[in-house]
PDB file of N, CA and C in Angstrom:
ATOM      1  N   MET A   1     -30.011  49.412 133.838  1.00  0.00           N
ATOM      2  CA  MET A   1     -30.350  49.211 135.226  1.00  0.00           C
ATOM      3  C   MET A   1     -30.648  50.566 135.828  1.00  0.00           C
ATOM      4  N   GLY A   2     -31.603  50.610 136.716  1.00  0.00           N
ATOM      5  CA  GLY A   2     -31.979  51.867 137.330  1.00  0.00           C
ATOM      6  C   GLY A   2     -32.248  51.687 138.812  1.00  0.00           C
ATOM      7  N   ILE A   3     -32.623  52.768 139.415  1.00  0.00           N
ATOM      8  CA  ILE A   3     -32.935  52.766 140.837  1.00  0.00           C
ATOM      9  C   ILE A   3     -34.440  52.838 140.993  1.00  0.00           C
ATOM     10  N   VAL A   4     -34.971  51.983 141.848  1.00  0.00           N
ATOM     11  CA  VAL A   4     -36.397  51.982 142.149  1.00  0.00           C
ATOM     12  C   VAL A   4     -36.536  52.378 143.606  1.00  0.00           C
ATOM     13  N   LYS A   5     -37.328  53.406 143.848  1.00  0.00           N
ATOM     14  CA  LYS A   5     -37.540  53.846 145.225  1.00  0.00           C
ATOM     15  C   LYS A   5     -38.726  53.096 145.799  1.00  0.00           C
ATOM     16  N   ILE A   6     -38.526  52.542 146.988  1.00  0.00           N
ATOM     17  CA  ILE A   6     -39.590  51.827 147.678  1.00  0.00           C
ATOM     18  C   ILE A   6     -39.674  52.333 149.113  1.00  0.00           C
ATOM     19  N   SER A   7     -40.768  52.040 149.755  1.00  0.00           N
ATOM     20  CA  SER A   7     -40.963  52.492 151.133  1.00  0.00           C
ATOM     21  C   SER A   7     -40.027  51.736 152.083  1.00  0.00           C
ATOM     22  N   ASP A   8     -39.814  52.324 153.235  1.00  0.00           N
ATOM     23  CA  ASP A   8     -38.996  51.662 154.257  1.00  0.00           C
ATOM     24  C   ASP A   8     -39.619  50.342 154.690  1.00  0.00           C
ATOM     25  N   LEU A   9     -40.942  50.327 154.796  1.00  0.00           N
ATOM     26  CA  LEU A   9     -41.632  49.091 155.193  1.00  0.00           C
ATOM     27  C   LEU A   9     -41.405  47.979 154.164  1.00  0.00           C
ATOM     28  N   MET A  10     -41.514  48.314 152.876  1.00  0.00           N
ATOM     29  CA  MET A  10     -41.291  47.309 151.837  1.00  0.00           C
ATOM     30  C   MET A  10     -39.836  46.840 151.859  1.00  0.00           C
ATOM     31  N   HIS A  11     -38.917  47.751 152.111  1.00  0.00           N
ATOM     32  CA  HIS A  11     -37.509  47.367 152.193  1.00  0.00           C
ATOM     33  C   HIS A  11     -37.288  46.402 153.357  1.00  0.00           C
ATOM     34  N   ASP A  12     -37.924  46.666 154.484  1.00  0.00           N
ATOM     35  CA  ASP A  12     -37.835  45.759 155.635  1.00  0.00           C
ATOM     36  C   ASP A  12     -38.409  44.384 155.289  1.00  0.00           C
ATOM     37  N   ASN A  13     -39.541  44.376 154.576  1.00  0.00           N
ATOM     38  CA  ASN A  13     -40.143  43.110 154.148  1.00  0.00           C
ATOM     39  C   ASN A  13     -39.214  42.357 153.196  1.00  0.00           C
ATOM     40  N   LEU A  14     -38.578  43.098 152.282  1.00  0.00           N
ATOM     41  CA  LEU A  14     -37.635  42.485 151.347  1.00  0.00           C
ATOM     42  C   LEU A  14     -36.452  41.882 152.093  1.00  0.00           C
ATOM     43  N   ARG A  15     -35.935  42.615 153.060  1.00  0.00           N
ATOM     44  CA  ARG A  15     -34.782  42.135 153.823  1.00  0.00           C
ATOM     45  C   ARG A  15     -35.145  40.831 154.555  1.00  0.00           C
ATOM     46  N   THR A  16     -36.310  40.802 155.182  1.00  0.00           N
ATOM     47  CA  THR A  16     -36.744  39.611 155.909  1.00  0.00           C
ATOM     48  C   THR A  16     -36.902  38.424 154.959  1.00  0.00           C
ATOM     49  N   ALA A  17     -37.597  38.645 153.846  1.00  0.00           N
ATOM     50  CA  ALA A  17     -37.819  37.561 152.883  1.00  0.00           C
ATOM     51  C   ALA A  17     -36.508  37.101 152.257  1.00  0.00           C
ATOM     52  N   SER A  18     -35.622  38.039 151.931  1.00  0.00           N
ATOM     53  CA  SER A  18     -34.360  37.657 151.298  1.00  0.00           C
ATOM     54  C   SER A  18     -33.497  36.844 152.256  1.00  0.00           C
ATOM     55  N   ASP A  19     -33.502  37.199 153.524  1.00  0.00           N
ATOM     56  CA  ASP A  19     -32.756  36.415 154.515  1.00  0.00           C
ATOM     57  C   ASP A  19     -33.340  35.007 154.638  1.00  0.00           C
ATOM     58  N   ALA A  20     -34.665  34.914 154.692  1.00  0.00           N
ATOM     59  CA  ALA A  20     -35.325  33.622 154.861  1.00  0.00           C
ATOM     60  C   ALA A  20     -35.126  32.717 153.645  1.00  0.00           C
ATOM     61  N   LEU A  21     -35.064  33.305 152.467  1.00  0.00           N
ATOM     62  CA  LEU A  21     -34.986  32.519 151.239  1.00  0.00           C
ATOM     63  C   LEU A  21     -33.592  32.485 150.620  1.00  0.00           C
ATOM     64  N   SER A  22     -32.599  32.989 151.364  1.00  0.00           N
ATOM     65  CA  SER A  22     -31.198  32.982 150.907  1.00  0.00           C
ATOM     66  C   SER A  22     -31.017  33.658 149.557  1.00  0.00           C
ATOM     67  N   ARG A  23     -31.664  34.808 149.396  1.00  0.00           N
ATOM     68  CA  ARG A  23     -31.506  35.612 148.186  1.00  0.00           C
ATOM     69  C   ARG A  23     -30.989  36.982 148.603  1.00  0.00           C
ATOM     70  N   SER A  24     -30.397  37.685 147.653  1.00  0.00           N
ATOM     71  CA  SER A  24     -30.053  39.072 147.920  1.00  0.00           C
ATOM     72  C   SER A  24     -31.346  39.883 147.949  1.00  0.00           C
ATOM     73  N   ILE A  25     -31.279  41.059 148.503  1.00  0.00           N
ATOM     74  CA  ILE A  25     -32.460  41.922 148.530  1.00  0.00           C
ATOM     75  C   ILE A  25     -32.905  42.229 147.106  1.00  0.00           C
ATOM     76  N   ASN A  26     -31.962  42.502 146.216  1.00  0.00           N
ATOM     77  CA  ASN A  26     -32.319  42.788 144.822  1.00  0.00           C
ATOM     78  C   ASN A  26     -32.948  41.575 144.146  1.00  0.00           C
ATOM     79  N   ALA A  27     -32.411  40.385 144.401  1.00  0.00           N
ATOM     80  CA  ALA A  27     -32.976  39.173 143.797  1.00  0.00           C
ATOM     81  C   ALA A  27     -34.390  38.919 144.312  1.00  0.00           C
ATOM     82  N   GLN A  28     -34.619  39.182 145.603  1.00  0.00           N
ATOM     83  CA  GLN A  28     -35.964  39.000 146.156  1.00  0.00           C
ATOM     84  C   GLN A  28     -36.943  39.995 145.536  1.00  0.00           C
ATOM     85  N   ALA A  29     -36.516  41.236 145.406  1.00  0.00           N
ATOM     86  CA  ALA A  29     -37.379  42.254 144.794  1.00  0.00           C
ATOM     87  C   ALA A  29     -37.707  41.874 143.350  1.00  0.00           C
ATOM     88  N   GLU A  30     -36.701  41.422 142.609  1.00  0.00           N
ATOM     89  CA  GLU A  30     -36.941  41.030 141.215  1.00  0.00           C
ATOM     90  C   GLU A  30     -37.881  39.831 141.148  1.00  0.00           C
ATOM     91  N   HIS A  31     -37.731  38.895 142.056  1.00  0.00           N
ATOM     92  CA  HIS A  31     -38.628  37.732 142.102  1.00  0.00           C
ATOM     93  C   HIS A  31     -40.072  38.186 142.308  1.00  0.00           C
ATOM     94  N   TRP A  32     -40.289  39.057 143.298  1.00  0.00           N
ATOM     95  CA  TRP A  32     -41.643  39.548 143.558  1.00  0.00           C
ATOM     96  C   TRP A  32     -42.182  40.334 142.365  1.00  0.00           C
ATOM     97  N   MET A  33     -41.338  41.120 141.704  1.00  0.00           N
ATOM     98  CA  MET A  33     -41.800  41.877 140.529  1.00  0.00           C
ATOM     99  C   MET A  33     -42.175  40.932 139.394  1.00  0.00           C
ATOM    100  N   ARG A  34     -41.386  39.875 139.202  1.00  0.00           N
ATOM    101  CA  ARG A  34     -41.681  38.914 138.141  1.00  0.00           C
ATOM    102  C   ARG A  34     -43.010  38.203 138.426  1.00  0.00           C
ATOM    103  N   ILE A  35     -43.219  37.797 139.681  1.00  0.00           N
ATOM    104  CA  ILE A  35     -44.478  37.145 140.061  1.00  0.00           C
ATOM    105  C   ILE A  35     -45.651  38.095 139.805  1.00  0.00           C
ATOM    106  N   GLY A  36     -45.501  39.344 140.205  1.00  0.00           N
ATOM    107  CA  GLY A  36     -46.564  40.325 139.994  1.00  0.00           C
ATOM    108  C   GLY A  36     -46.852  40.569 138.529  1.00  0.00           C
ATOM    109  N   MET A  37     -45.784  40.696 137.724  1.00  0.00           N
ATOM    110  CA  MET A  37     -45.947  40.920 136.290  1.00  0.00           C
ATOM    111  C   MET A  37     -46.691  39.753 135.656  1.00  0.00           C
ATOM    112  N   LEU A  38     -46.276  38.529 135.999  1.00  0.00           N
ATOM    113  CA  LEU A  38     -46.922  37.358 135.414  1.00  0.00           C
ATOM    114  C   LEU A  38     -48.355  37.208 135.895  1.00  0.00           C
ATOM    115  N   SER A  39     -48.616  37.614 137.126  1.00  0.00           N
ATOM    116  CA  SER A  39     -49.995  37.576 137.637  1.00  0.00           C
ATOM    117  C   SER A  39     -50.887  38.524 136.858  1.00  0.00           C
ATOM    118  N   GLU A  40     -50.352  39.670 136.482  1.00  0.00           N
ATOM    119  CA  GLU A  40     -51.148  40.619 135.697  1.00  0.00           C
ATOM    120  C   GLU A  40     -51.310  40.158 134.259  1.00  0.00           C
ATOM    121  N   LEU A  41     -50.261  39.546 133.688  1.00  0.00           N
ATOM    122  CA  LEU A  41     -50.349  39.064 132.311  1.00  0.00           C
ATOM    123  C   LEU A  41     -51.278  37.862 132.191  1.00  0.00           C
ATOM    124  N   HIS A  42     -51.303  37.029 133.223  1.00  0.00           N
ATOM    125  CA  HIS A  42     -52.075  35.786 133.197  1.00  0.00           C
ATOM    126  C   HIS A  42     -52.896  35.676 134.480  1.00  0.00           C
ATOM    127  N   PRO A  43     -53.970  36.454 134.588  1.00  0.00           N
ATOM    128  CA  PRO A  43     -54.742  36.488 135.835  1.00  0.00           C
ATOM    129  C   PRO A  43     -55.392  35.153 136.198  1.00  0.00           C
ATOM    130  N   GLY A  44     -55.499  34.243 135.271  1.00  0.00           N
ATOM    131  CA  GLY A  44     -56.117  32.953 135.560  1.00  0.00           C
ATOM    132  C   GLY A  44     -55.171  31.941 136.195  1.00  0.00           C
ATOM    133  N   LEU A  45     -53.875  32.276 136.278  1.00  0.00           N
ATOM    134  CA  LEU A  45     -52.909  31.338 136.844  1.00  0.00           C
ATOM    135  C   LEU A  45     -52.779  31.523 138.352  1.00  0.00           C
ATOM    136  N   CYS A  46     -52.620  30.415 139.053  1.00  0.00           N
ATOM    137  CA  CYS A  46     -52.342  30.494 140.488  1.00  0.00           C
ATOM    138  C   CYS A  46     -50.823  30.613 140.676  1.00  0.00           C
ATOM    139  N   HIS A  47     -50.411  30.849 141.902  1.00  0.00           N
ATOM    140  CA  HIS A  47     -48.987  31.032 142.200  1.00  0.00           C
ATOM    141  C   HIS A  47     -48.171  29.817 141.756  1.00  0.00           C
ATOM    142  N   GLY A  48     -48.671  28.620 141.996  1.00  0.00           N
ATOM    143  CA  GLY A  48     -47.952  27.410 141.596  1.00  0.00           C
ATOM    144  C   GLY A  48     -47.759  27.318 140.093  1.00  0.00           C
ATOM    145  N   ASP A  49     -48.788  27.703 139.333  1.00  0.00           N
ATOM    146  CA  ASP A  49     -48.685  27.691 137.867  1.00  0.00           C
ATOM    147  C   ASP A  49     -47.633  28.690 137.400  1.00  0.00           C
ATOM    148  N   ILE A  50     -47.607  29.848 138.036  1.00  0.00           N
ATOM    149  CA  ILE A  50     -46.624  30.872 137.679  1.00  0.00           C
ATOM    150  C   ILE A  50     -45.212  30.370 137.981  1.00  0.00           C
ATOM    151  N   CYS A  51     -45.034  29.714 139.113  1.00  0.00           N
ATOM    152  CA  CYS A  51     -43.713  29.168 139.461  1.00  0.00           C
ATOM    153  C   CYS A  51     -43.280  28.116 138.445  1.00  0.00           C
ATOM    154  N   GLN A  52     -44.217  27.267 138.000  1.00  0.00           N
ATOM    155  CA  GLN A  52     -43.882  26.270 136.984  1.00  0.00           C
ATOM    156  C   GLN A  52     -43.503  26.933 135.665  1.00  0.00           C
ATOM    157  N   LEU A  53     -44.215  27.987 135.308  1.00  0.00           N
ATOM    158  CA  LEU A  53     -43.895  28.733 134.092  1.00  0.00           C
ATOM    159  C   LEU A  53     -42.492  29.332 134.188  1.00  0.00           C
ATOM    160  N   MET A  54     -42.158  29.880 135.354  1.00  0.00           N
ATOM    161  CA  MET A  54     -40.832  30.453 135.543  1.00  0.00           C
ATOM    162  C   MET A  54     -39.748  29.372 135.460  1.00  0.00           C
ATOM    163  N   MET A  55     -40.048  28.182 135.948  1.00  0.00           N
ATOM    164  CA  MET A  55     -39.086  27.075 135.866  1.00  0.00           C
ATOM    165  C   MET A  55     -38.865  26.665 134.407  1.00  0.00           C
ATOM    166  N   ARG A  56     -39.948  26.597 133.624  1.00  0.00           N
ATOM    167  CA  ARG A  56     -39.813  26.251 132.195  1.00  0.00           C
ATOM    168  C   ARG A  56     -38.998  27.307 131.462  1.00  0.00           C
ATOM    169  N   ALA A  57     -39.206  28.566 131.811  1.00  0.00           N
ATOM    170  CA  ALA A  57     -38.458  29.642 131.173  1.00  0.00           C
ATOM    171  C   ALA A  57     -36.977  29.517 131.497  1.00  0.00           C
ATOM    172  N   LYS A  58     -36.668  29.214 132.740  1.00  0.00           N
ATOM    173  CA  LYS A  58     -35.271  29.056 133.154  1.00  0.00           C
ATOM    174  C   LYS A  58     -34.625  27.892 132.420  1.00  0.00           C
ATOM    175  N   GLN A  59     -35.344  26.765 132.321  1.00  0.00           N
ATOM    176  CA  GLN A  59     -34.814  25.593 131.625  1.00  0.00           C
ATOM    177  C   GLN A  59     -34.609  25.875 130.145  1.00  0.00           C
ATOM    178  N   ALA A  60     -35.493  26.695 129.560  1.00  0.00           N
ATOM    179  CA  ALA A  60     -35.376  27.049 128.146  1.00  0.00           C
ATOM    180  C   ALA A  60     -34.303  28.107 127.921  1.00  0.00           C
ATOM    181  N   GLY A  61     -33.814  28.692 129.004  1.00  0.00           N
ATOM    182  CA  GLY A  61     -32.788  29.732 128.875  1.00  0.00           C
ATOM    183  C   GLY A  61     -33.348  31.041 128.356  1.00  0.00           C
ATOM    184  N   ASP A  62     -34.648  31.248 128.521  1.00  0.00           N
ATOM    185  CA  ASP A  62     -35.291  32.461 128.013  1.00  0.00           C
ATOM    186  C   ASP A  62     -36.268  32.973 129.056  1.00  0.00           C
ATOM    187  N   GLN A  63     -35.897  34.030 129.737  1.00  0.00           N
ATOM    188  CA  GLN A  63     -36.780  34.606 130.737  1.00  0.00           C
ATOM    189  C   GLN A  63     -37.294  35.979 130.284  1.00  0.00           C
ATOM    190  N   SER A  64     -37.375  36.151 128.971  1.00  0.00           N
ATOM    191  CA  SER A  64     -37.870  37.408 128.427  1.00  0.00           C
ATOM    192  C   SER A  64     -39.391  37.471 128.509  1.00  0.00           C
ATOM    193  N   LEU A  65     -39.911  38.665 128.406  1.00  0.00           N
ATOM    194  CA  LEU A  65     -41.357  38.852 128.413  1.00  0.00           C
ATOM    195  C   LEU A  65     -41.987  38.090 127.251  1.00  0.00           C
ATOM    196  N   ALA A  66     -41.293  38.029 126.122  1.00  0.00           N
ATOM    197  CA  ALA A  66     -41.822  37.317 124.952  1.00  0.00           C
ATOM    198  C   ALA A  66     -42.061  35.845 125.276  1.00  0.00           C
ATOM    199  N   PHE A  67     -41.162  35.219 126.019  1.00  0.00           N
ATOM    200  CA  PHE A  67     -41.339  33.814 126.380  1.00  0.00           C
ATOM    201  C   PHE A  67     -42.616  33.631 127.183  1.00  0.00           C
ATOM    202  N   PHE A  68     -42.823  34.504 128.161  1.00  0.00           N
ATOM    203  CA  PHE A  68     -43.965  34.346 129.053  1.00  0.00           C
ATOM    204  C   PHE A  68     -45.284  34.616 128.342  1.00  0.00           C
ATOM    205  N   THR A  69     -45.279  35.430 127.312  1.00  0.00           N
ATOM    206  CA  THR A  69     -46.525  35.684 126.586  1.00  0.00           C
ATOM    207  C   THR A  69     -46.770  34.605 125.533  1.00  0.00           C
ATOM    208  N   GLN A  70     -45.703  34.093 124.918  1.00  0.00           N
ATOM    209  CA  GLN A  70     -45.859  33.062 123.894  1.00  0.00           C
ATOM    210  C   GLN A  70     -46.143  31.696 124.508  1.00  0.00           C
ATOM    211  N   GLU A  71     -45.553  31.416 125.654  1.00  0.00           N
ATOM    212  CA  GLU A  71     -45.696  30.111 126.289  1.00  0.00           C
ATOM    213  C   GLU A  71     -47.157  29.780 126.573  1.00  0.00           C
ATOM    214  N   LEU A  72     -47.951  30.776 126.928  1.00  0.00           N
ATOM    215  CA  LEU A  72     -49.340  30.524 127.293  1.00  0.00           C
ATOM    216  C   LEU A  72     -50.332  31.040 126.266  1.00  0.00           C
ATOM    217  N   ALA A  73     -49.820  31.468 125.133  1.00  0.00           N
ATOM    218  CA  ALA A  73     -50.727  31.962 124.093  1.00  0.00           C
ATOM    219  C   ALA A  73     -51.560  30.803 123.567  1.00  0.00           C
ATOM    220  N   PRO A  74     -52.824  31.059 123.272  1.00  0.00           N
ATOM    221  CA  PRO A  74     -53.637  29.987 122.718  1.00  0.00           C
ATOM    222  C   PRO A  74     -53.071  29.557 121.369  1.00  0.00           C
ATOM    223  N   PRO A  75     -53.154  28.280 121.049  1.00  0.00           N
ATOM    224  CA  PRO A  75     -52.614  27.821 119.777  1.00  0.00           C
ATOM    225  C   PRO A  75     -53.313  28.495 118.605  1.00  0.00           C
ATOM    226  N   VAL A  76     -52.524  28.797 117.602  1.00  0.00           N
ATOM    227  CA  VAL A  76     -53.079  29.429 116.407  1.00  0.00           C
ATOM    228  C   VAL A  76     -53.631  28.333 115.516  1.00  0.00           C
ATOM    229  N   THR A  77     -54.893  28.453 115.200  1.00  0.00           N
ATOM    230  CA  THR A  77     -55.521  27.468 114.327  1.00  0.00           C
ATOM    231  C   THR A  77     -56.127  28.204 113.141  1.00  0.00           C
ATOM    232  N   ALA A  78     -56.238  27.504 112.055  1.00  0.00           N
ATOM    233  CA  ALA A  78     -56.822  28.108 110.869  1.00  0.00           C
ATOM    234  C   ALA A  78     -58.308  28.338 111.105  1.00  0.00           C
ATOM    235  N   ALA A  79     -58.763  29.473 110.680  1.00  0.00           N
ATOM    236  CA  ALA A  79     -60.190  29.772 110.813  1.00  0.00           C
ATOM    237  C   ALA A  79     -60.962  28.846 109.884  1.00  0.00           C
ATOM    238  N   PRO A  80     -62.083  28.322 110.358  1.00  0.00           N
ATOM    239  CA  PRO A  80     -62.859  27.427 109.489  1.00  0.00           C
ATOM    240  C   PRO A  80     -63.387  28.188 108.283  1.00  0.00           C
ATOM    241  N   LYS A  81     -63.369  27.511 107.163  1.00  0.00           N
ATOM    242  CA  LYS A  81     -63.878  28.137 105.949  1.00  0.00           C
ATOM    243  C   LYS A  81     -65.397  28.277 106.075  1.00  0.00           C
ATOM    244  N   ALA A  82     -65.870  29.376 105.595  1.00  0.00           N
ATOM    245  CA  ALA A  82     -67.318  29.617 105.646  1.00  0.00           C
ATOM    246  C   ALA A  82     -68.029  28.569 104.798  1.00  0.00           C
ATOM    247  N   ALA A  83     -69.098  28.080 105.330  1.00  0.00           N
ATOM    248  CA  ALA A  83     -69.881  27.086 104.592  1.00  0.00           C
ATOM    249  C   ALA A  83     -70.525  27.767 103.400  1.00  0.00           C
ATOM    250  N   ARG A  84     -70.422  27.116 102.285  1.00  0.00           N
ATOM    251  CA  ARG A  84     -71.021  27.671 101.067  1.00  0.00           C
ATOM    252  C   ARG A  84     -72.409  27.085 100.889  1.00  0.00           C
ATOM    253  N   ARG A  85     -73.320  27.958 100.643  1.00  0.00           N
ATOM    254  CA  ARG A  85     -74.678  27.495 100.378  1.00  0.00           C
ATOM    255  C   ARG A  85     -74.861  27.300  98.881  1.00  0.00           C
ATOM    256  N   VAL A  86     -75.381  26.170  98.570  1.00  0.00           N
ATOM    257  CA  VAL A  86     -75.662  25.888  97.165  1.00  0.00           C
ATOM    258  C   VAL A  86     -77.140  26.184  96.949  1.00  0.00           C
ATOM    259  N   VAL A  87     -77.417  27.114  96.079  1.00  0.00           N
ATOM    260  CA  VAL A  87     -78.796  27.492  95.799  1.00  0.00           C
ATOM    261  C   VAL A  87     -79.171  26.822  94.482  1.00  0.00           C
ATOM    262  N   ARG A  88     -80.270  26.083  94.491  1.00  0.00           N
ATOM    263  CA  ARG A  88     -80.702  25.399  93.276  1.00  0.00           C
ATOM    264  C   ARG A  88     -82.010  25.954  92.812  1.00  0.00           C
TER     265      ARG A  88
END
């Protein structure tokens, strides 16, 4: 665990949001960081999709970065075999 320095304005915003959403200031900051991280990892997802992904991670008991990257990874499929040309 470490210390993250943020501006006074951001701290005020965190305090307001944490009060409104019944979270600690640290929990609110972590929530916003998680949303931002997932938005960068998966730019095609909207906020609602990200929230659903976070809910699935919580239910699975795995909120690691690996879960969030594997959960939306395209399925691995076998590459089609190259067509063989028969020359007569």
